[in-house]
PDB file of N, CA and C in Angstrom:
ATOM      1  N   MET A   1     168.427 129.272 168.343  1.00  0.00           N
ATOM      2  CA  MET A   1     167.470 129.894 167.441  1.00  0.00           C
ATOM      3  C   MET A   1     168.187 130.686 166.346  1.00  0.00           C
ATOM      4  N   ARG A   2     169.137 131.521 166.763  1.00  0.00           N
ATOM      5  CA  ARG A   2     169.838 132.366 165.802  1.00  0.00           C
ATOM      6  C   ARG A   2     170.613 131.518 164.801  1.00  0.00           C
ATOM      7  N   GLU A   3     171.236 130.450 165.293  1.00  0.00           N
ATOM      8  CA  GLU A   3     171.987 129.563 164.398  1.00  0.00           C
ATOM      9  C   GLU A   3     171.043 128.919 163.384  1.00  0.00           C
ATOM     10  N   GLN A   4     169.868 128.523 163.836  1.00  0.00           N
ATOM     11  CA  GLN A   4     168.874 127.921 162.946  1.00  0.00           C
ATOM     12  C   GLN A   4     168.429 128.933 161.889  1.00  0.00           C
ATOM     13  N   THR A   5     168.224 130.166 162.289  1.00  0.00           N
ATOM     14  CA  THR A   5     167.782 131.218 161.379  1.00  0.00           C
ATOM     15  C   THR A   5     168.832 131.521 160.322  1.00  0.00           C
ATOM     16  N   GLU A   6     170.103 131.503 160.709  1.00  0.00           N
ATOM     17  CA  GLU A   6     171.174 131.803 159.761  1.00  0.00           C
ATOM     18  C   GLU A   6     171.286 130.741 158.674  1.00  0.00           C
ATOM     19  N   LYS A   7     170.748 129.558 158.916  1.00  0.00           N
ATOM     20  CA  LYS A   7     170.808 128.469 157.948  1.00  0.00           C
ATOM     21  C   LYS A   7     169.713 128.563 156.889  1.00  0.00           C
ATOM     22  N   VAL A   8     168.748 129.450 157.059  1.00  0.00           N
ATOM     23  CA  VAL A   8     167.623 129.545 156.142  1.00  0.00           C
ATOM     24  C   VAL A   8     168.065 130.193 154.826  1.00  0.00           C
ATOM     25  N   GLN A   9     167.930 129.446 153.745  1.00  0.00           N
ATOM     26  CA  GLN A   9     168.236 129.950 152.407  1.00  0.00           C
ATOM     27  C   GLN A   9     167.007 130.700 151.874  1.00  0.00           C
ATOM     28  N   ASP A  10     167.208 131.511 150.838  1.00  0.00           N
ATOM     29  CA  ASP A  10     166.103 132.296 150.278  1.00  0.00           C
ATOM     30  C   ASP A  10     164.943 131.412 149.826  1.00  0.00           C
ATOM     31  N   SER A  11     165.237 130.304 149.190  1.00  0.00           N
ATOM     32  CA  SER A  11     164.176 129.412 148.719  1.00  0.00           C
ATOM     33  C   SER A  11     163.411 128.809 149.892  1.00  0.00           C
ATOM     34  N   GLU A  12     164.116 128.505 150.972  1.00  0.00           N
ATOM     35  CA  GLU A  12     163.463 127.961 152.160  1.00  0.00           C
ATOM     36  C   GLU A  12     162.592 129.021 152.826  1.00  0.00           C
ATOM     37  N   LEU A  13     163.038 130.254 152.771  1.00  0.00           N
ATOM     38  CA  LEU A  13     162.246 131.350 153.326  1.00  0.00           C
ATOM     39  C   LEU A  13     160.934 131.501 152.566  1.00  0.00           C
ATOM     40  N   GLU A  14     160.956 131.292 151.252  1.00  0.00           N
ATOM     41  CA  GLU A  14     159.721 131.338 150.469  1.00  0.00           C
ATOM     42  C   GLU A  14     158.720 130.299 150.981  1.00  0.00           C
ATOM     43  N   ILE A  15     159.211 129.112 151.279  1.00  0.00           N
ATOM     44  CA  ILE A  15     158.340 128.058 151.797  1.00  0.00           C
ATOM     45  C   ILE A  15     157.816 128.435 153.179  1.00  0.00           C
ATOM     46  N   LEU A  16     158.689 128.943 154.036  1.00  0.00           N
ATOM     47  CA  LEU A  16     158.246 129.360 155.362  1.00  0.00           C
ATOM     48  C   LEU A  16     157.180 130.450 155.269  1.00  0.00           C
ATOM     49  N   ARG A  17     157.336 131.374 154.343  1.00  0.00           N
ATOM     50  CA  ARG A  17     156.350 132.452 154.189  1.00  0.00           C
ATOM     51  C   ARG A  17     154.977 131.905 153.795  1.00  0.00           C
ATOM     52  N   VAL A  18     154.959 130.861 152.993  1.00  0.00           N
ATOM     53  CA  VAL A  18     153.683 130.238 152.630  1.00  0.00           C
ATOM     54  C   VAL A  18     153.024 129.654 153.879  1.00  0.00           C
ATOM     55  N   PHE A  19     153.814 128.957 154.704  1.00  0.00           N
ATOM     56  CA  PHE A  19     153.273 128.416 155.954  1.00  0.00           C
ATOM     57  C   PHE A  19     152.771 129.530 156.859  1.00  0.00           C
ATOM     58  N   TRP A  20     153.585 130.574 157.025  1.00  0.00           N
ATOM     59  CA  TRP A  20     153.214 131.660 157.922  1.00  0.00           C
ATOM     60  C   TRP A  20     151.946 132.353 157.462  1.00  0.00           C
ATOM     61  N   SER A  21     151.796 132.554 156.160  1.00  0.00           N
ATOM     62  CA  SER A  21     150.579 133.220 155.665  1.00  0.00           C
ATOM     63  C   SER A  21     149.364 132.322 155.834  1.00  0.00           C
ATOM     64  N   ALA A  22     149.559 131.010 155.741  1.00  0.00           N
ATOM     65  CA  ALA A  22     148.442 130.076 155.930  1.00  0.00           C
ATOM     66  C   ALA A  22     148.046 129.994 157.396  1.00  0.00           C
ATOM     67  N   GLY A  23     149.026 130.068 158.283  1.00  0.00           N
ATOM     68  CA  GLY A  23     148.737 130.007 159.710  1.00  0.00           C
ATOM     69  C   GLY A  23     148.339 128.628 160.213  1.00  0.00           C
ATOM     70  N   THR A  24     148.569 127.621 159.398  1.00  0.00           N
ATOM     71  CA  THR A  24     148.174 126.268 159.750  1.00  0.00           C
ATOM     72  C   THR A  24     149.071 125.282 159.001  1.00  0.00           C
ATOM     73  N   PRO A  25     149.201 124.059 159.505  1.00  0.00           N
ATOM     74  CA  PRO A  25     149.944 123.061 158.720  1.00  0.00           C
ATOM     75  C   PRO A  25     149.304 122.901 157.345  1.00  0.00           C
ATOM     76  N   LEU A  26     150.122 122.564 156.352  1.00  0.00           N
ATOM     77  CA  LEU A  26     149.621 122.437 154.982  1.00  0.00           C
ATOM     78  C   LEU A  26     149.936 121.073 154.398  1.00  0.00           C
ATOM     79  N   PRO A  27     148.980 120.529 153.650  1.00  0.00           N
ATOM     80  CA  PRO A  27     149.267 119.307 152.904  1.00  0.00           C
ATOM     81  C   PRO A  27     150.290 119.624 151.808  1.00  0.00           C
ATOM     82  N   LEU A  28     151.105 118.645 151.479  1.00  0.00           N
ATOM     83  CA  LEU A  28     152.130 118.813 150.454  1.00  0.00           C
ATOM     84  C   LEU A  28     151.529 119.315 149.146  1.00  0.00           C
ATOM     85  N   ALA A  29     150.399 118.774 148.762  1.00  0.00           N
ATOM     86  CA  ALA A  29     149.775 119.174 147.499  1.00  0.00           C
ATOM     87  C   ALA A  29     149.425 120.665 147.489  1.00  0.00           C
ATOM     88  N   GLU A  30     148.919 121.162 148.601  1.00  0.00           N
ATOM     89  CA  GLU A  30     148.557 122.581 148.691  1.00  0.00           C
ATOM     90  C   GLU A  30     149.809 123.453 148.693  1.00  0.00           C
ATOM     91  N   LEU A  31     150.824 123.020 149.408  1.00  0.00           N
ATOM     92  CA  LEU A  31     152.082 123.744 149.440  1.00  0.00           C
ATOM     93  C   LEU A  31     152.678 123.829 148.036  1.00  0.00           C
ATOM     94  N   CYS A  32     152.670 122.722 147.318  1.00  0.00           N
ATOM     95  CA  CYS A  32     153.183 122.693 145.942  1.00  0.00           C
ATOM     96  C   CYS A  32     152.366 123.615 145.043  1.00  0.00           C
ATOM     97  N   ARG A  33     151.049 123.597 145.202  1.00  0.00           N
ATOM     98  CA  ARG A  33     150.183 124.445 144.379  1.00  0.00           C
ATOM     99  C   ARG A  33     150.512 125.923 144.596  1.00  0.00           C
ATOM    100  N   ARG A  34     150.633 126.319 145.854  1.00  0.00           N
ATOM    101  CA  ARG A  34     150.907 127.721 146.166  1.00  0.00           C
ATOM    102  C   ARG A  34     152.293 128.155 145.672  1.00  0.00           C
ATOM    103  N   LEU A  35     153.279 127.290 145.839  1.00  0.00           N
ATOM    104  CA  LEU A  35     154.637 127.648 145.409  1.00  0.00           C
ATOM    105  C   LEU A  35     154.786 127.594 143.902  1.00  0.00           C
ATOM    106  N   ASN A  36     154.038 126.726 143.250  1.00  0.00           N
ATOM    107  CA  ASN A  36     154.048 126.708 141.790  1.00  0.00           C
ATOM    108  C   ASN A  36     153.459 128.007 141.267  1.00  0.00           C
ATOM    109  N   SER A  37     152.377 128.448 141.894  1.00  0.00           N
ATOM    110  CA  SER A  37     151.717 129.681 141.478  1.00  0.00           C
ATOM    111  C   SER A  37     152.601 130.910 141.752  1.00  0.00           C
ATOM    112  N   ALA A  38     153.217 130.961 142.931  1.00  0.00           N
ATOM    113  CA  ALA A  38     154.002 132.129 143.327  1.00  0.00           C
ATOM    114  C   ALA A  38     155.400 132.148 142.724  1.00  0.00           C
ATOM    115  N   CYS A  39     156.037 130.976 142.615  1.00  0.00           N
ATOM    116  CA  CYS A  39     157.449 130.911 142.227  1.00  0.00           C
ATOM    117  C   CYS A  39     157.708 130.118 140.956  1.00  0.00           C
ATOM    118  N   GLY A  40     156.696 129.394 140.491  1.00  0.00           N
ATOM    119  CA  GLY A  40     156.875 128.568 139.307  1.00  0.00           C
ATOM    120  C   GLY A  40     157.660 127.292 139.568  1.00  0.00           C
ATOM    121  N   TRP A  41     157.711 126.854 140.833  1.00  0.00           N
ATOM    122  CA  TRP A  41     158.483 125.678 141.193  1.00  0.00           C
ATOM    123  C   TRP A  41     157.740 124.384 140.875  1.00  0.00           C
ATOM    124  N   ALA A  42     158.479 123.396 140.438  1.00  0.00           N
ATOM    125  CA  ALA A  42     157.928 122.059 140.221  1.00  0.00           C
ATOM    126  C   ALA A  42     157.753 121.373 141.574  1.00  0.00           C
ATOM    127  N   ASP A  43     156.859 120.397 141.610  1.00  0.00           N
ATOM    128  CA  ASP A  43     156.619 119.653 142.845  1.00  0.00           C
ATOM    129  C   ASP A  43     157.907 119.029 143.374  1.00  0.00           C
ATOM    130  N   SER A  44     158.738 118.526 142.476  1.00  0.00           N
ATOM    131  CA  SER A  44     159.991 117.884 142.902  1.00  0.00           C
ATOM    132  C   SER A  44     160.912 118.873 143.612  1.00  0.00           C
ATOM    133  N   THR A  45     160.892 120.121 143.198  1.00  0.00           N
ATOM    134  CA  THR A  45     161.698 121.155 143.847  1.00  0.00           C
ATOM    135  C   THR A  45     161.219 121.379 145.270  1.00  0.00           C
ATOM    136  N   VAL A  46     159.912 121.481 145.428  1.00  0.00           N
ATOM    137  CA  VAL A  46     159.326 121.692 146.759  1.00  0.00           C
ATOM    138  C   VAL A  46     159.659 120.513 147.665  1.00  0.00           C
ATOM    139  N   LYS A  47     159.525 119.299 147.161  1.00  0.00           N
ATOM    140  CA  LYS A  47     159.817 118.107 147.966  1.00  0.00           C
ATOM    141  C   LYS A  47     161.278 118.075 148.394  1.00  0.00           C
ATOM    142  N   THR A  48     162.175 118.419 147.496  1.00  0.00           N
ATOM    143  CA  THR A  48     163.603 118.445 147.821  1.00  0.00           C
ATOM    144  C   THR A  48     163.885 119.477 148.912  1.00  0.00           C
ATOM    145  N   LEU A  49     163.305 120.658 148.757  1.00  0.00           N
ATOM    146  CA  LEU A  49     163.515 121.715 149.744  1.00  0.00           C
ATOM    147  C   LEU A  49     162.935 121.320 151.099  1.00  0.00           C
ATOM    148  N   LEU A  50     161.772 120.685 151.102  1.00  0.00           N
ATOM    149  CA  LEU A  50     161.168 120.248 152.362  1.00  0.00           C
ATOM    150  C   LEU A  50     162.050 119.225 153.075  1.00  0.00           C
ATOM    151  N   ARG A  51     162.632 118.298 152.324  1.00  0.00           N
ATOM    152  CA  ARG A  51     163.533 117.312 152.940  1.00  0.00           C
ATOM    153  C   ARG A  51     164.724 118.017 153.587  1.00  0.00           C
ATOM    154  N   ARG A  52     165.283 118.970 152.869  1.00  0.00           N
ATOM    155  CA  ARG A  52     166.406 119.740 153.401  1.00  0.00           C
ATOM    156  C   ARG A  52     166.003 120.505 154.665  1.00  0.00           C
ATOM    157  N   MET A  53     164.815 121.085 154.611  1.00  0.00           N
ATOM    158  CA  MET A  53     164.321 121.860 155.746  1.00  0.00           C
ATOM    159  C   MET A  53     164.038 120.970 156.954  1.00  0.00           C
ATOM    160  N   GLN A  54     163.575 119.751 156.709  1.00  0.00           N
ATOM    161  CA  GLN A  54     163.379 118.803 157.807  1.00  0.00           C
ATOM    162  C   GLN A  54     164.717 118.485 158.466  1.00  0.00           C
ATOM    163  N   ASP A  55     165.733 118.252 157.663  1.00  0.00           N
ATOM    164  CA  ASP A  55     167.062 117.943 158.192  1.00  0.00           C
ATOM    165  C   ASP A  55     167.614 119.094 159.037  1.00  0.00           C
ATOM    166  N   LYS A  56     167.254 120.323 158.681  1.00  0.00           N
ATOM    167  CA  LYS A  56     167.714 121.502 159.417  1.00  0.00           C
ATOM    168  C   LYS A  56     166.834 121.808 160.629  1.00  0.00           C
ATOM    169  N   GLY A  57     165.722 121.116 160.764  1.00  0.00           N
ATOM    170  CA  GLY A  57     164.811 121.380 161.872  1.00  0.00           C
ATOM    171  C   GLY A  57     163.927 122.594 161.662  1.00  0.00           C
ATOM    172  N   LEU A  58     163.671 122.934 160.398  1.00  0.00           N
ATOM    173  CA  LEU A  58     162.835 124.100 160.084  1.00  0.00           C
ATOM    174  C   LEU A  58     161.366 123.739 159.890  1.00  0.00           C
ATOM    175  N   VAL A  59     161.103 122.516 159.456  1.00  0.00           N
ATOM    176  CA  VAL A  59     159.726 122.028 159.278  1.00  0.00           C
ATOM    177  C   VAL A  59     159.668 120.589 159.778  1.00  0.00           C
ATOM    178  N   ARG A  60     158.434 120.125 159.993  1.00  0.00           N
ATOM    179  CA  ARG A  60     158.264 118.719 160.357  1.00  0.00           C
ATOM    180  C   ARG A  60     156.998 118.177 159.722  1.00  0.00           C
ATOM    181  N   LEU A  61     157.004 116.889 159.552  1.00  0.00           N
ATOM    182  CA  LEU A  61     155.849 116.162 159.043  1.00  0.00           C
ATOM    183  C   LEU A  61     154.948 115.884 160.237  1.00  0.00           C
ATOM    184  N   VAL A  62     153.729 116.436 160.228  1.00  0.00           N
ATOM    185  CA  VAL A  62     152.835 116.244 161.377  1.00  0.00           C
ATOM    186  C   VAL A  62     151.956 115.011 161.218  1.00  0.00           C
ATOM    187  N   ARG A  63     151.645 114.675 159.993  1.00  0.00           N
ATOM    188  CA  ARG A  63     150.958 113.437 159.650  1.00  0.00           C
ATOM    189  C   ARG A  63     151.197 113.213 158.168  1.00  0.00           C
ATOM    190  N   ARG A  64     150.810 112.112 157.676  1.00  0.00           N
ATOM    191  CA  ARG A  64     151.132 111.750 156.293  1.00  0.00           C
ATOM    192  C   ARG A  64     150.800 112.883 155.306  1.00  0.00           C
ATOM    193  N   GLY A  65     151.843 113.409 154.682  1.00  0.00           N
ATOM    194  CA  GLY A  65     151.682 114.424 153.642  1.00  0.00           C
ATOM    195  C   GLY A  65     151.367 115.820 154.133  1.00  0.00           C
ATOM    196  N   VAL A  66     151.409 116.066 155.453  1.00  0.00           N
ATOM    197  CA  VAL A  66     151.082 117.390 156.000  1.00  0.00           C
ATOM    198  C   VAL A  66     152.282 117.902 156.804  1.00  0.00           C
ATOM    199  N   TYR A  67     152.697 119.118 156.485  1.00  0.00           N
ATOM    200  CA  TYR A  67     153.877 119.716 157.109  1.00  0.00           C
ATOM    201  C   TYR A  67     153.510 120.982 157.867  1.00  0.00           C
ATOM    202  N   GLU A  68     154.371 121.313 158.840  1.00  0.00           N
ATOM    203  CA  GLU A  68     154.241 122.581 159.556  1.00  0.00           C
ATOM    204  C   GLU A  68     155.621 123.146 159.834  1.00  0.00           C
ATOM    205  N   PRO A  69     155.702 124.475 159.959  1.00  0.00           N
ATOM    206  CA  PRO A  69     156.991 125.086 160.263  1.00  0.00           C
ATOM    207  C   PRO A  69     157.329 124.914 161.743  1.00  0.00           C
ATOM    208  N   LEU A  70     158.588 124.791 162.041  1.00  0.00           N
ATOM    209  CA  LEU A  70     159.049 124.750 163.427  1.00  0.00           C
ATOM    210  C   LEU A  70     159.657 126.080 163.843  1.00  0.00           C
ATOM    211  N   LEU A  71     159.772 126.987 162.896  1.00  0.00           N
ATOM    212  CA  LEU A  71     160.312 128.316 163.127  1.00  0.00           C
ATOM    213  C   LEU A  71     159.198 129.322 162.874  1.00  0.00           C
ATOM    214  N   SER A  72     158.851 130.099 163.888  1.00  0.00           N
ATOM    215  CA  SER A  72     157.788 131.089 163.721  1.00  0.00           C
ATOM    216  C   SER A  72     158.324 132.332 163.004  1.00  0.00           C
ATOM    217  N   GLU A  73     157.416 133.064 162.419  1.00  0.00           N
ATOM    218  CA  GLU A  73     157.808 134.296 161.730  1.00  0.00           C
ATOM    219  C   GLU A  73     158.411 135.298 162.716  1.00  0.00           C
ATOM    220  N   ALA A  74     157.829 135.377 163.911  1.00  0.00           N
ATOM    221  CA  ALA A  74     158.337 136.305 164.926  1.00  0.00           C
ATOM    222  C   ALA A  74     159.754 135.933 165.346  1.00  0.00           C
ATOM    223  N   ASP A  75     160.003 134.644 165.559  1.00  0.00           N
ATOM    224  CA  ASP A  75     161.344 134.201 165.945  1.00  0.00           C
ATOM    225  C   ASP A  75     162.346 134.447 164.823  1.00  0.00           C
ATOM    226  N   TYR A  76     161.928 134.188 163.579  1.00  0.00           N
ATOM    227  CA  TYR A  76     162.805 134.416 162.438  1.00  0.00           C
ATOM    228  C   TYR A  76     163.149 135.905 162.316  1.00  0.00           C
ATOM    229  N   SER A  77     162.140 136.748 162.436  1.00  0.00           N
ATOM    230  CA  SER A  77     162.357 138.199 162.327  1.00  0.00           C
ATOM    231  C   SER A  77     163.276 138.710 163.425  1.00  0.00           C
ATOM    232  N   ARG A  78     163.031 138.251 164.641  1.00  0.00           N
ATOM    233  CA  ARG A  78     163.834 138.682 165.779  1.00  0.00           C
ATOM    234  C   ARG A  78     165.307 138.271 165.593  1.00  0.00           C
ATOM    235  N   ALA A  79     165.528 137.023 165.246  1.00  0.00           N
ATOM    236  CA  ALA A  79     166.905 136.537 165.072  1.00  0.00           C
ATOM    237  C   ALA A  79     167.589 137.209 163.883  1.00  0.00           C
ATOM    238  N   SER A  80     166.842 137.435 162.807  1.00  0.00           N
ATOM    239  CA  SER A  80     167.411 138.099 161.632  1.00  0.00           C
ATOM    240  C   SER A  80     167.801 139.539 161.950  1.00  0.00           C
ATOM    241  N   ALA A  81     166.969 140.220 162.726  1.00  0.00           N
ATOM    242  CA  ALA A  81     167.274 141.597 163.118  1.00  0.00           C
ATOM    243  C   ALA A  81     168.527 141.636 163.990  1.00  0.00           C
ATOM    244  N   GLN A  82     168.640 140.695 164.920  1.00  0.00           N
ATOM    245  CA  GLN A  82     169.834 140.645 165.770  1.00  0.00           C
ATOM    246  C   GLN A  82     171.091 140.407 164.932  1.00  0.00           C
ATOM    247  N   THR A  83     170.987 139.514 163.963  1.00  0.00           N
ATOM    248  CA  THR A  83     172.127 139.221 163.092  1.00  0.00           C
ATOM    249  C   THR A  83     172.504 140.449 162.275  1.00  0.00           C
ATOM    250  N   LEU A  84     171.506 141.131 161.722  1.00  0.00           N
ATOM    251  CA  LEU A  84     171.755 142.334 160.938  1.00  0.00           C
ATOM    252  C   LEU A  84     172.460 143.396 161.769  1.00  0.00           C
ATOM    253  N   VAL A  85     171.950 143.649 162.962  1.00  0.00           N
ATOM    254  CA  VAL A  85     172.540 144.665 163.833  1.00  0.00           C
ATOM    255  C   VAL A  85     173.968 144.285 164.198  1.00  0.00           C
ATOM    256  N   GLN A  86     174.178 143.014 164.506  1.00  0.00           N
ATOM    257  CA  GLN A  86     175.517 142.564 164.888  1.00  0.00           C
ATOM    258  C   GLN A  86     176.502 142.677 163.727  1.00  0.00           C
ATOM    259  N   ARG A  87     176.102 142.197 162.563  1.00  0.00           N
ATOM    260  CA  ARG A  87     177.016 142.162 161.415  1.00  0.00           C
ATOM    261  C   ARG A  87     177.310 143.534 160.818  1.00  0.00           C
ATOM    262  N   LEU A  88     176.265 144.331 160.642  1.00  0.00           N
ATOM    263  CA  LEU A  88     176.445 145.583 159.911  1.00  0.00           C
ATOM    264  C   LEU A  88     176.621 146.815 160.791  1.00  0.00           C
ATOM    265  N   PHE A  89     176.165 146.734 162.040  1.00  0.00           N
ATOM    266  CA  PHE A  89     176.178 147.922 162.886  1.00  0.00           C
ATOM    267  C   PHE A  89     176.901 147.689 164.205  1.00  0.00           C
ATOM    268  N   ASP A  90     177.793 146.692 164.191  1.00  0.00           N
ATOM    269  CA  ASP A  90     178.649 146.419 165.344  1.00  0.00           C
ATOM    270  C   ASP A  90     177.853 146.279 166.639  1.00  0.00           C
ATOM    271  N   GLY A  91     176.660 145.693 166.525  1.00  0.00           N
ATOM    272  CA  GLY A  91     175.836 145.445 167.702  1.00  0.00           C
ATOM    273  C   GLY A  91     175.012 146.629 168.169  1.00  0.00           C
ATOM    274  N   SER A  92     175.030 147.731 167.441  1.00  0.00           N
ATOM    275  CA  SER A  92     174.327 148.937 167.866  1.00  0.00           C
ATOM    276  C   SER A  92     173.023 149.130 167.087  1.00  0.00           C
ATOM    277  N   ALA A  93     171.902 148.889 167.749  1.00  0.00           N
ATOM    278  CA  ALA A  93     170.600 149.126 167.134  1.00  0.00           C
ATOM    279  C   ALA A  93     170.409 150.622 166.864  1.00  0.00           C
ATOM    280  N   LYS A  94     170.993 151.448 167.717  1.00  0.00           N
ATOM    281  CA  LYS A  94     170.923 152.904 167.525  1.00  0.00           C
ATOM    282  C   LYS A  94     171.538 153.293 166.183  1.00  0.00           C
ATOM    283  N   ASN A  95     172.671 152.674 165.832  1.00  0.00           N
ATOM    284  CA  ASN A  95     173.315 152.984 164.552  1.00  0.00           C
ATOM    285  C   ASN A  95     172.457 152.522 163.379  1.00  0.00           C
ATOM    286  N   LEU A  96     171.742 151.431 163.542  1.00  0.00           N
ATOM    287  CA  LEU A  96     170.812 150.973 162.494  1.00  0.00           C
ATOM    288  C   LEU A  96     169.718 152.009 162.280  1.00  0.00           C
ATOM    289  N   VAL A  97     169.098 152.447 163.360  1.00  0.00           N
ATOM    290  CA  VAL A  97     168.016 153.442 163.246  1.00  0.00           C
ATOM    291  C   VAL A  97     168.570 154.743 162.665  1.00  0.00           C
ATOM    292  N   ALA A  98     169.751 155.143 163.098  1.00  0.00           N
ATOM    293  CA  ALA A  98     170.359 156.368 162.558  1.00  0.00           C
ATOM    294  C   ALA A  98     170.578 156.242 161.053  1.00  0.00           C
ATOM    295  N   ALA A  99     171.032 155.085 160.608  1.00  0.00           N
ATOM    296  CA  ALA A  99     171.236 154.868 159.174  1.00  0.00           C
ATOM    297  C   ALA A  99     169.909 154.944 158.419  1.00  0.00           C
ATOM    298  N   LEU A 100     168.863 154.386 158.998  1.00  0.00           N
ATOM    299  CA  LEU A 100     167.540 154.442 158.359  1.00  0.00           C
ATOM    300  C   LEU A 100     167.025 155.877 158.272  1.00  0.00           C
ATOM    301  N   VAL A 101     167.262 156.652 159.307  1.00  0.00           N
ATOM    302  CA  VAL A 101     166.843 158.056 159.301  1.00  0.00           C
ATOM    303  C   VAL A 101     167.655 158.846 158.272  1.00  0.00           C
ATOM    304  N   ARG A 102     168.979 158.670 158.288  1.00  0.00           N
ATOM    305  CA  ARG A 102     169.850 159.405 157.353  1.00  0.00           C
ATOM    306  C   ARG A 102     169.525 159.119 155.894  1.00  0.00           C
ATOM    307  N   THR A 103     169.138 157.904 155.596  1.00  0.00           N
ATOM    308  CA  THR A 103     168.867 157.535 154.203  1.00  0.00           C
ATOM    309  C   THR A 103     167.407 157.739 153.809  1.00  0.00           C
ATOM    310  N   GLY A 104     166.608 158.285 154.702  1.00  0.00           N
ATOM    311  CA  GLY A 104     165.218 158.580 154.382  1.00  0.00           C
ATOM    312  C   GLY A 104     164.317 157.355 154.342  1.00  0.00           C
ATOM    313  N   GLN A 105     164.735 156.276 154.974  1.00  0.00           N
ATOM    314  CA  GLN A 105     163.940 155.042 154.965  1.00  0.00           C
ATOM    315  C   GLN A 105     162.769 155.099 155.928  1.00  0.00           C
ATOM    316  N   LEU A 106     162.800 156.035 156.875  1.00  0.00           N
ATOM    317  CA  LEU A 106     161.718 156.162 157.845  1.00  0.00           C
ATOM    318  C   LEU A 106     160.913 157.426 157.549  1.00  0.00           C
ATOM    319  N   SER A 107     159.626 157.262 157.412  1.00  0.00           N
ATOM    320  CA  SER A 107     158.744 158.412 157.177  1.00  0.00           C
ATOM    321  C   SER A 107     158.469 159.116 158.502  1.00  0.00           C
ATOM    322  N   GLU A 108     157.833 160.266 158.420  1.00  0.00           N
ATOM    323  CA  GLU A 108     157.437 160.978 159.640  1.00  0.00           C
ATOM    324  C   GLU A 108     156.499 160.121 160.478  1.00  0.00           C
ATOM    325  N   ASP A 109     155.600 159.398 159.805  1.00  0.00           N
ATOM    326  CA  ASP A 109     154.683 158.502 160.530  1.00  0.00           C
ATOM    327  C   ASP A 109     155.455 157.391 161.234  1.00  0.00           C
ATOM    328  N   ASP A 110     156.463 156.846 160.554  1.00  0.00           N
ATOM    329  CA  ASP A 110     157.300 155.806 161.167  1.00  0.00           C
ATOM    330  C   ASP A 110     157.984 156.339 162.419  1.00  0.00           C
ATOM    331  N   LEU A 111     158.542 157.538 162.303  1.00  0.00           N
ATOM    332  CA  LEU A 111     159.248 158.137 163.443  1.00  0.00           C
ATOM    333  C   LEU A 111     158.293 158.407 164.603  1.00  0.00           C
ATOM    334  N   ALA A 112     157.080 158.871 164.292  1.00  0.00           N
ATOM    335  CA  ALA A 112     156.095 159.114 165.344  1.00  0.00           C
ATOM    336  C   ALA A 112     155.700 157.808 166.031  1.00  0.00           C
ATOM    337  N   GLU A 113     155.544 156.756 165.246  1.00  0.00           N
ATOM    338  CA  GLU A 113     155.186 155.454 165.812  1.00  0.00           C
ATOM    339  C   GLU A 113     156.315 154.921 166.700  1.00  0.00           C
ATOM    340  N   LEU A 114     157.558 155.075 166.241  1.00  0.00           N
ATOM    341  CA  LEU A 114     158.697 154.642 167.051  1.00  0.00           C
ATOM    342  C   LEU A 114     158.789 155.447 168.346  1.00  0.00           C
ATOM    343  N   SER A 115     158.552 156.727 168.247  1.00  0.00           N
ATOM    344  CA  SER A 115     158.586 157.581 169.430  1.00  0.00           C
ATOM    345  C   SER A 115     157.532 157.135 170.444  1.00  0.00           C
ATOM    346  N   ALA A 116     156.346 156.808 169.957  1.00  0.00           N
ATOM    347  CA  ALA A 116     155.285 156.333 170.847  1.00  0.00           C
ATOM    348  C   ALA A 116     155.688 155.019 171.515  1.00  0.00           C
ATOM    349  N   MET A 117     156.351 154.145 170.767  1.00  0.00           N
ATOM    350  CA  MET A 117     156.819 152.870 171.348  1.00  0.00           C
ATOM    351  C   MET A 117     157.831 153.121 172.458  1.00  0.00           C
ATOM    352  N   PHE A 118     158.760 154.048 172.205  1.00  0.00           N
ATOM    353  CA  PHE A 118     159.797 154.327 173.195  1.00  0.00           C
ATOM    354  C   PHE A 118     159.216 154.944 174.463  1.00  0.00           C
ATOM    355  N   ASN A 119     158.143 155.710 174.313  1.00  0.00           N
ATOM    356  CA  ASN A 119     157.551 156.415 175.452  1.00  0.00           C
ATOM    357  C   ASN A 119     156.436 155.643 176.135  1.00  0.00           C
ATOM    358  N   ALA A 120     156.061 154.499 175.599  1.00  0.00           N
ATOM    359  CA  ALA A 120     154.999 153.689 176.194  1.00  0.00           C
ATOM    360  C   ALA A 120     155.518 153.025 177.461  1.00  0.00           C
ATOM    361  N   PRO A 121     154.634 152.869 178.451  1.00  0.00           N
ATOM    362  CA  PRO A 121     155.082 152.169 179.658  1.00  0.00           C
ATOM    363  C   PRO A 121     155.454 150.722 179.332  1.00  0.00           C
ATOM    364  N   GLU A 122     156.474 150.243 179.992  1.00  0.00           N
ATOM    365  CA  GLU A 122     156.946 148.890 179.748  1.00  0.00           C
ATOM    366  C   GLU A 122     155.952 147.883 180.312  1.00  0.00           C
ATOM    367  N   GLU A 123     155.649 146.860 179.512  1.00  0.00           N
ATOM    368  CA  GLU A 123     154.736 145.809 179.948  1.00  0.00           C
ATOM    369  C   GLU A 123     155.477 144.866 180.876  1.00  0.00           C
ATOM    370  N   PRO A 124     154.797 144.412 181.928  1.00  0.00           N
ATOM    371  CA  PRO A 124     155.459 143.458 182.829  1.00  0.00           C
ATOM    372  C   PRO A 124     155.748 142.137 182.116  1.00  0.00           C
ATOM    373  N   LYS A 125     156.881 141.551 182.434  1.00  0.00           N
ATOM    374  CA  LYS A 125     157.254 140.276 181.826  1.00  0.00           C
ATOM    375  C   LYS A 125     156.686 139.144 182.678  1.00  0.00           C
ATOM    376  N   PRO A 126     156.198 138.095 182.004  1.00  0.00           N
ATOM    377  CA  PRO A 126     155.602 136.978 182.768  1.00  0.00           C
ATOM    378  C   PRO A 126     156.628 136.229 183.565  1.00  0.00           C
TER     379      PRO A 126
END
């Protein structure tokens, strides 16, 4: 999963975000329309990126002209966070949070929400 996530280029992430916001497989025409509107991309650009993404195992053709992502937003976020912590904070999530606090990136509300998460009873794993 992490290796797959590291292969995602910024342009491919834009396409994945369109899928994730739709929450459903999308016809090529609709995908092109949304990306043209959001990014100004030509249909040929979208088609090229989709072919590349298929080769990487990021999307698949579910039926003629309709695509879906094979990478969920949750999986992408989780793997990206692990990579960030590993690369920039030597594997320490604590150091990441400390950096966010020191630089003022976390509001008082954010800190209260994090505190509540830390103090919540752990949910049983299936």
